[in-house]
Amino acid sequence: LGEIPVALIGQRGPARPDGSANASTASLVELVGTPFVGLIGMDVLGGLDLEFSVPERRLTVAEAPVERLGSEPITTLAGVPIVAVGVGEESVRLFLDTGAPLSYLHRRLANLFERLDDAEDFHPLMGRFVVPTHRACLRFGDTSRTLRAGVMPPLLE
C-alpha cells in the first residue's frame, strides 16, 4: 500500500494507493499517528526470509533461507509473523506488527507490570477504542526491552 512503486530484492511492485477496506495511506497515517509513505505487507514479505536483529537494529531480507546461529525462528499465522519472547518468567509467542503504534499483551501478562495510562488505538474492523497500558519488559533472545503495552480488547483476545 503506498503512493510510490517499491523495489525489494530487485523486484519492483506497482504503487497501490488504496489498500484493504479502501484505506488510503493518508487515512492510515491519520489513524496511526505516525507519518509513513507506504506499507509492505505479508503478501510481499511472506515469501522472503526475514531476520530481525534487535541489538543491531537491523532487518535482513533474503529470497532464500539464511543460515543463523542462536536466532529465534519467526513463524507465521495467516500471514502474520509470530515471535517467541520472554515475559516475566514465561516464554510466549506474540504477533509481531512493527508498524503498530502500540504493542499489546494479554491481560494476564500485562497485569504483571506497572500500570501506566490509557491509550487510544484503532482496528480496521472495530474502529477507535481506548485501552489501559502497562510498562512491560520483554526479552528477545539475550536482549531486553521495556515498552508501553496495551491490554488487548476482549473482542481481540
Protein backbone atom coordinates (compact mmCIF):
# COMPACT_ATOMS: atom_id res chain seq x y z
CA LEU A 1 0.00 0.00 0.00
CA GLY A 2 1.54 3.33 -0.97
CA GLU A 3 1.68 6.22 -3.35
CA ILE A 4 5.00 5.22 -4.99
CA PRO A 5 6.30 1.96 -6.53
CA VAL A 6 8.60 -0.18 -4.36
CA ALA A 7 11.66 -2.29 -5.22
CA LEU A 8 12.65 -5.11 -2.87
CA ILE A 9 15.44 -7.59 -3.66
CA GLY A 10 15.48 -6.50 -7.27
CA GLN A 11 11.76 -6.99 -7.81
CA ARG A 12 9.59 -3.96 -8.48
CA GLY A 13 5.99 -3.66 -7.38
CA PRO A 14 3.45 -1.07 -8.50
CA ALA A 15 2.05 1.67 -6.30
CA ARG A 16 -1.32 0.74 -4.80
CA PRO A 17 -2.90 3.90 -3.38
CA ASP A 18 -5.83 2.01 -1.84
CA GLY A 19 -5.49 -0.98 0.48
CA SER A 20 -7.99 -3.17 2.25
CA ALA A 21 -11.38 -1.65 3.02
CA ASN A 22 -10.42 1.24 0.69
CA ALA A 23 -8.00 2.66 3.29
CA SER A 24 -5.52 5.09 1.77
CA THR A 25 -2.01 5.75 3.06
CA ALA A 26 -3.14 9.21 4.22
CA SER A 27 -6.10 7.81 6.19
CA LEU A 28 -3.88 5.19 7.88
CA VAL A 29 -1.26 7.83 8.77
CA GLU A 30 -4.01 9.83 10.46
CA LEU A 31 -5.28 6.79 12.40
CA VAL A 32 -1.83 5.51 13.41
CA GLY A 33 -0.45 8.96 14.24
CA THR A 34 2.95 8.21 12.69
CA PRO A 35 4.00 9.50 9.26
CA PHE A 36 4.89 6.89 6.62
CA VAL A 37 4.77 6.70 2.83
CA GLY A 38 3.57 3.10 2.50
CA LEU A 39 3.23 -0.39 3.94
CA ILE A 40 4.86 -3.58 2.75
CA GLY A 41 2.56 -6.44 3.74
CA MET A 42 2.89 -10.16 4.12
CA ASP A 43 1.65 -10.56 0.54
CA VAL A 44 5.17 -9.34 -0.39
CA LEU A 45 7.23 -10.31 2.66
CA GLY A 46 5.62 -13.73 3.23
CA GLY A 47 7.78 -15.46 0.61
CA LEU A 48 11.03 -13.94 1.89
CA ASP A 49 13.40 -14.84 4.72
CA LEU A 50 13.42 -12.02 7.31
CA GLU A 51 15.97 -11.70 10.10
CA PHE A 52 15.38 -9.09 12.81
CA SER A 53 18.41 -8.17 14.92
CA VAL A 54 17.08 -6.15 17.86
CA PRO A 55 20.55 -5.38 19.37
CA GLU A 56 21.87 -4.18 15.98
CA ARG A 57 18.56 -2.52 14.98
CA ARG A 58 18.76 -4.30 11.62
CA LEU A 59 16.41 -6.18 9.30
CA THR A 60 17.96 -8.56 6.76
CA VAL A 61 15.76 -9.62 3.82
CA ALA A 62 16.70 -12.54 1.56
CA GLU A 63 14.99 -14.66 -1.09
CA ALA A 64 16.42 -17.93 0.28
CA PRO A 65 16.71 -19.05 3.92
CA VAL A 66 19.73 -17.55 5.68
CA GLU A 67 21.96 -19.72 7.92
CA ARG A 68 21.90 -18.43 11.50
CA LEU A 69 23.28 -19.36 14.88
CA GLY A 70 21.36 -18.55 18.04
CA SER A 71 18.36 -16.84 16.49
CA GLU A 72 14.73 -17.49 17.33
CA PRO A 73 12.63 -18.65 14.38
CA ILE A 74 9.72 -16.50 13.29
CA THR A 75 6.69 -18.42 12.10
CA THR A 76 3.50 -17.02 10.59
CA LEU A 77 -0.20 -17.48 11.22
CA ALA A 78 -2.48 -16.31 8.41
CA GLY A 79 0.49 -14.30 7.10
CA VAL A 80 1.19 -12.53 10.42
CA PRO A 81 4.71 -13.06 11.89
CA ILE A 82 4.87 -14.69 15.34
CA VAL A 83 7.99 -14.42 17.52
CA ALA A 84 9.00 -16.06 20.83
CA VAL A 85 9.71 -13.58 23.64
CA GLY A 86 10.23 -13.79 27.38
CA VAL A 87 7.57 -12.12 29.52
CA GLY A 88 8.20 -12.34 33.26
CA GLU A 89 9.27 -15.94 33.87
CA GLU A 90 7.44 -17.27 30.79
CA SER A 91 8.33 -17.72 27.15
CA VAL A 92 5.35 -16.79 24.97
CA ARG A 93 4.70 -16.40 21.26
CA LEU A 94 3.43 -12.98 20.18
CA PHE A 95 2.22 -11.49 16.91
CA LEU A 96 4.85 -9.14 15.50
CA ASP A 97 3.49 -5.92 14.00
CA THR A 98 6.36 -3.50 13.53
CA GLY A 99 4.03 -0.83 12.16
CA ALA A 100 1.63 -0.72 15.11
CA PRO A 101 1.65 2.43 17.25
CA LEU A 102 1.07 0.34 20.41
CA SER A 103 2.14 -3.16 21.42
CA TYR A 104 -0.35 -5.49 23.11
CA LEU A 105 -0.26 -8.21 25.73
CA HIS A 106 -2.97 -10.48 27.06
CA ARG A 107 -4.48 -9.07 30.28
CA ARG A 108 -2.88 -11.83 32.42
CA LEU A 109 0.62 -10.88 31.21
CA ALA A 110 0.08 -7.12 31.17
CA ASN A 111 -1.03 -7.21 34.82
CA LEU A 112 2.47 -8.45 35.79
CA PHE A 113 3.76 -4.93 35.08
CA GLU A 114 3.28 -1.37 36.35
CA ARG A 115 0.05 0.29 35.17
CA LEU A 116 0.60 3.47 33.17
CA ASP A 117 -2.23 5.36 31.46
CA ASP A 118 -4.92 4.84 28.84
CA ALA A 119 -4.22 4.94 25.10
CA GLU A 120 -6.45 5.31 22.07
CA ASP A 121 -5.89 2.92 19.17
CA PHE A 122 -7.85 1.58 16.23
CA HIS A 123 -8.58 -1.68 14.46
CA PRO A 124 -9.91 -1.78 10.88
CA LEU A 125 -12.96 -3.81 11.96
CA MET A 126 -13.56 -2.18 15.37
CA GLY A 127 -12.74 1.48 14.73
CA ARG A 128 -11.25 3.56 17.55
CA PHE A 129 -11.09 2.26 21.13
CA VAL A 130 -9.29 3.03 24.43
CA VAL A 131 -7.16 0.51 26.36
CA PRO A 132 -5.18 0.57 29.62
CA THR A 133 -1.39 0.42 29.20
CA HIS A 134 1.47 -1.06 31.25
CA ARG A 135 5.28 -0.71 31.29
CA ALA A 136 6.30 -4.19 30.07
CA CYS A 137 9.77 -5.72 29.94
CA LEU A 138 10.18 -8.25 27.13
CA ARG A 139 13.21 -10.44 26.35
CA PHE A 140 14.17 -11.09 22.72
CA GLY A 141 16.94 -13.71 23.00
CA ASP A 142 19.67 -12.08 25.10
CA THR A 143 18.21 -8.57 24.72
CA SER A 144 15.61 -6.98 26.99
CA ARG A 145 13.41 -4.05 26.01
CA THR A 146 10.90 -2.07 28.03
CA LEU A 147 7.88 -0.86 26.13
CA ARG A 148 4.41 0.55 26.66
CA ALA A 149 1.95 -2.29 26.07
CA GLY A 150 -1.82 -2.10 25.89
CA VAL A 151 -4.25 -4.72 27.18
CA MET A 152 -6.00 -6.45 24.28
CA PRO A 153 -9.69 -5.54 23.97
CA PRO A 154 -11.82 -8.60 24.85
CA LEU A 155 -13.06 -8.90 21.25
CA LEU A 156 -9.44 -9.34 20.02
CA GLU A 157 -8.19 -11.61 22.85
